[in-house]
Amino acid sequence: MSNCTTGCKTQDHASYGECLRSNTPSVRNSTQSKSGLYSMEQRNAQEISEYKAARAQGIQPAGTKLHQIRNAVEQSRKADAALTLRD
């Protein structure tokens, strides 16, 4: 009788614990899914955070997308004033 898990490729470990350590099990975040919703949620959170920071500085980006926010912040830095951008 083997001390290894059923999915072990080598089936030659001295103990069950050694087998588990060699497989380096990892825990995935329960909110992650294969559909990409987790990464979309992270991107949305970043957009909201950067938009709030820009608005707190008096900058009005042309939109709420990350590239629009960063563009507005960069142009405001170059102009050394809070800008309102429109498309």
C-alpha atoms as a PDB file:
ATOM      1  CA  MET A   1       0.000   0.000   0.000  1.00  0.00           C
ATOM      2  CA  SER A   2       1.384   3.379  -1.029  1.00  0.00           C
ATOM      3  CA  ASN A   3       1.697   6.380   1.278  1.00  0.00           C
ATOM      4  CA  CYS A   4       1.036   8.694  -1.647  1.00  0.00           C
ATOM      5  CA  THR A   5      -2.053  10.471  -2.891  1.00  0.00           C
ATOM      6  CA  THR A   6      -3.889   8.962  -5.834  1.00  0.00           C
ATOM      7  CA  GLY A   7      -2.682  11.777  -8.103  1.00  0.00           C
ATOM      8  CA  CYS A   8       1.003  11.357  -7.224  1.00  0.00           C
ATOM      9  CA  LYS A   9       3.128  10.761 -10.298  1.00  0.00           C
ATOM     10  CA  THR A  10       6.008   8.956  -8.582  1.00  0.00           C
ATOM     11  CA  GLN A  11       4.188   6.957  -5.839  1.00  0.00           C
ATOM     12  CA  ASP A  12       7.497   6.578  -3.937  1.00  0.00           C
ATOM     13  CA  HIS A  13       7.221   8.899  -0.915  1.00  0.00           C
ATOM     14  CA  ALA A  14       7.972   7.679   2.596  1.00  0.00           C
ATOM     15  CA  SER A  15       4.911   9.355   4.103  1.00  0.00           C
ATOM     16  CA  TYR A  16       1.660  10.971   3.061  1.00  0.00           C
ATOM     17  CA  GLY A  17       2.926  14.356   4.321  1.00  0.00           C
ATOM     18  CA  GLU A  18       6.081  14.069   2.210  1.00  0.00           C
ATOM     19  CA  CYS A  19       3.922  13.338  -0.820  1.00  0.00           C
ATOM     20  CA  LEU A  20       1.774  16.417  -0.170  1.00  0.00           C
ATOM     21  CA  ARG A  21       4.845  18.647   0.305  1.00  0.00           C
ATOM     22  CA  SER A  22       6.349  17.435  -2.965  1.00  0.00           C
ATOM     23  CA  ASN A  23       3.151  18.278  -4.846  1.00  0.00           C
ATOM     24  CA  THR A  24       3.285  21.878  -3.509  1.00  0.00           C
ATOM     25  CA  PRO A  25      -0.449  22.347  -3.185  1.00  0.00           C
ATOM     26  CA  SER A  26      -1.673  25.896  -3.563  1.00  0.00           C
ATOM     27  CA  VAL A  27      -4.869  27.616  -2.549  1.00  0.00           C
ATOM     28  CA  ARG A  28      -6.665  29.774  -5.096  1.00  0.00           C
ATOM     29  CA  ASN A  29      -8.703  32.747  -4.110  1.00  0.00           C
ATOM     30  CA  SER A  30     -12.312  31.616  -3.998  1.00  0.00           C
ATOM     31  CA  THR A  31     -13.397  34.684  -6.011  1.00  0.00           C
ATOM     32  CA  GLN A  32     -11.201  33.755  -8.963  1.00  0.00           C
ATOM     33  CA  SER A  33     -12.900  32.013 -11.813  1.00  0.00           C
ATOM     34  CA  LYS A  34     -11.945  30.832 -15.237  1.00  0.00           C
ATOM     35  CA  SER A  35     -14.271  33.359 -16.821  1.00  0.00           C
ATOM     36  CA  GLY A  36     -12.016  36.286 -15.948  1.00  0.00           C
ATOM     37  CA  LEU A  37     -14.442  38.005 -13.605  1.00  0.00           C
ATOM     38  CA  TYR A  38     -11.792  38.246 -10.907  1.00  0.00           C
ATOM     39  CA  SER A  39      -9.370  40.177 -13.112  1.00  0.00           C
ATOM     40  CA  MET A  40     -12.190  42.388 -14.368  1.00  0.00           C
ATOM     41  CA  GLU A  41     -13.154  43.212 -10.798  1.00  0.00           C
ATOM     42  CA  GLN A  42      -9.537  44.062  -9.960  1.00  0.00           C
ATOM     43  CA  ARG A  43      -9.266  46.344 -13.007  1.00  0.00           C
ATOM     44  CA  ASN A  44     -12.529  48.075 -12.097  1.00  0.00           C
ATOM     45  CA  ALA A  45     -11.323  48.633  -8.537  1.00  0.00           C
ATOM     46  CA  GLN A  46      -8.102  50.175  -9.872  1.00  0.00           C
ATOM     47  CA  GLU A  47     -10.022  52.448 -12.248  1.00  0.00           C
ATOM     48  CA  ILE A  48     -12.298  53.625  -9.436  1.00  0.00           C
ATOM     49  CA  SER A  49      -9.350  54.259  -7.139  1.00  0.00           C
ATOM     50  CA  GLU A  50      -7.396  56.262  -9.721  1.00  0.00           C
ATOM     51  CA  TYR A  51     -10.510  58.191 -10.809  1.00  0.00           C
ATOM     52  CA  LYS A  52     -11.238  59.186  -7.193  1.00  0.00           C
ATOM     53  CA  ALA A  53      -7.632  60.298  -6.739  1.00  0.00           C
ATOM     54  CA  ALA A  54      -7.760  62.399  -9.927  1.00  0.00           C
ATOM     55  CA  ARG A  55     -11.061  64.021  -8.939  1.00  0.00           C
ATOM     56  CA  ALA A  56      -9.682  64.778  -5.462  1.00  0.00           C
ATOM     57  CA  GLN A  57      -6.920  66.764  -7.195  1.00  0.00           C
ATOM     58  CA  GLY A  58      -9.508  68.690  -9.233  1.00  0.00           C
ATOM     59  CA  ILE A  59      -8.766  66.853 -12.473  1.00  0.00           C
ATOM     60  CA  GLN A  60     -11.724  65.891 -14.685  1.00  0.00           C
ATOM     61  CA  PRO A  61     -10.748  63.034 -17.024  1.00  0.00           C
ATOM     62  CA  ALA A  62     -12.509  62.623 -20.373  1.00  0.00           C
ATOM     63  CA  GLY A  63     -13.843  59.259 -19.201  1.00  0.00           C
ATOM     64  CA  THR A  64     -13.544  56.604 -16.554  1.00  0.00           C
ATOM     65  CA  LYS A  65     -11.243  54.186 -18.388  1.00  0.00           C
ATOM     66  CA  LEU A  66      -7.764  53.755 -16.978  1.00  0.00           C
ATOM     67  CA  HIS A  67      -5.961  55.174 -20.039  1.00  0.00           C
ATOM     68  CA  GLN A  68      -8.200  58.275 -19.996  1.00  0.00           C
ATOM     69  CA  ILE A  69      -7.587  58.859 -16.295  1.00  0.00           C
ATOM     70  CA  ARG A  70      -3.823  58.461 -16.601  1.00  0.00           C
ATOM     71  CA  ASN A  71      -3.773  60.715 -19.670  1.00  0.00           C
ATOM     72  CA  ALA A  72      -5.641  63.459 -17.784  1.00  0.00           C
ATOM     73  CA  VAL A  73      -3.302  63.208 -14.795  1.00  0.00           C
ATOM     74  CA  GLU A  74      -0.227  63.342 -17.047  1.00  0.00           C
ATOM     75  CA  GLN A  75      -1.501  66.359 -18.995  1.00  0.00           C
ATOM     76  CA  SER A  76      -2.405  68.122 -15.760  1.00  0.00           C
ATOM     77  CA  ARG A  77       1.102  67.532 -14.432  1.00  0.00           C
ATOM     78  CA  LYS A  78       2.620  68.949 -17.619  1.00  0.00           C
ATOM     79  CA  ALA A  79       0.326  71.989 -17.473  1.00  0.00           C
ATOM     80  CA  ASP A  80       0.885  72.305 -13.711  1.00  0.00           C
ATOM     81  CA  ALA A  81      -2.864  72.829 -13.283  1.00  0.00           C
ATOM     82  CA  ALA A  82      -5.968  70.713 -12.835  1.00  0.00           C
ATOM     83  CA  LEU A  83      -7.509  70.224 -16.274  1.00  0.00           C
ATOM     84  CA  THR A  84     -10.927  69.229 -17.537  1.00  0.00           C
ATOM     85  CA  LEU A  85     -10.552  67.029 -20.603  1.00  0.00           C
ATOM     86  CA  ARG A  86     -13.220  66.150 -23.130  1.00  0.00           C
ATOM     87  CA  ASP A  87     -13.186  63.718 -26.035  1.00  0.00           C
END
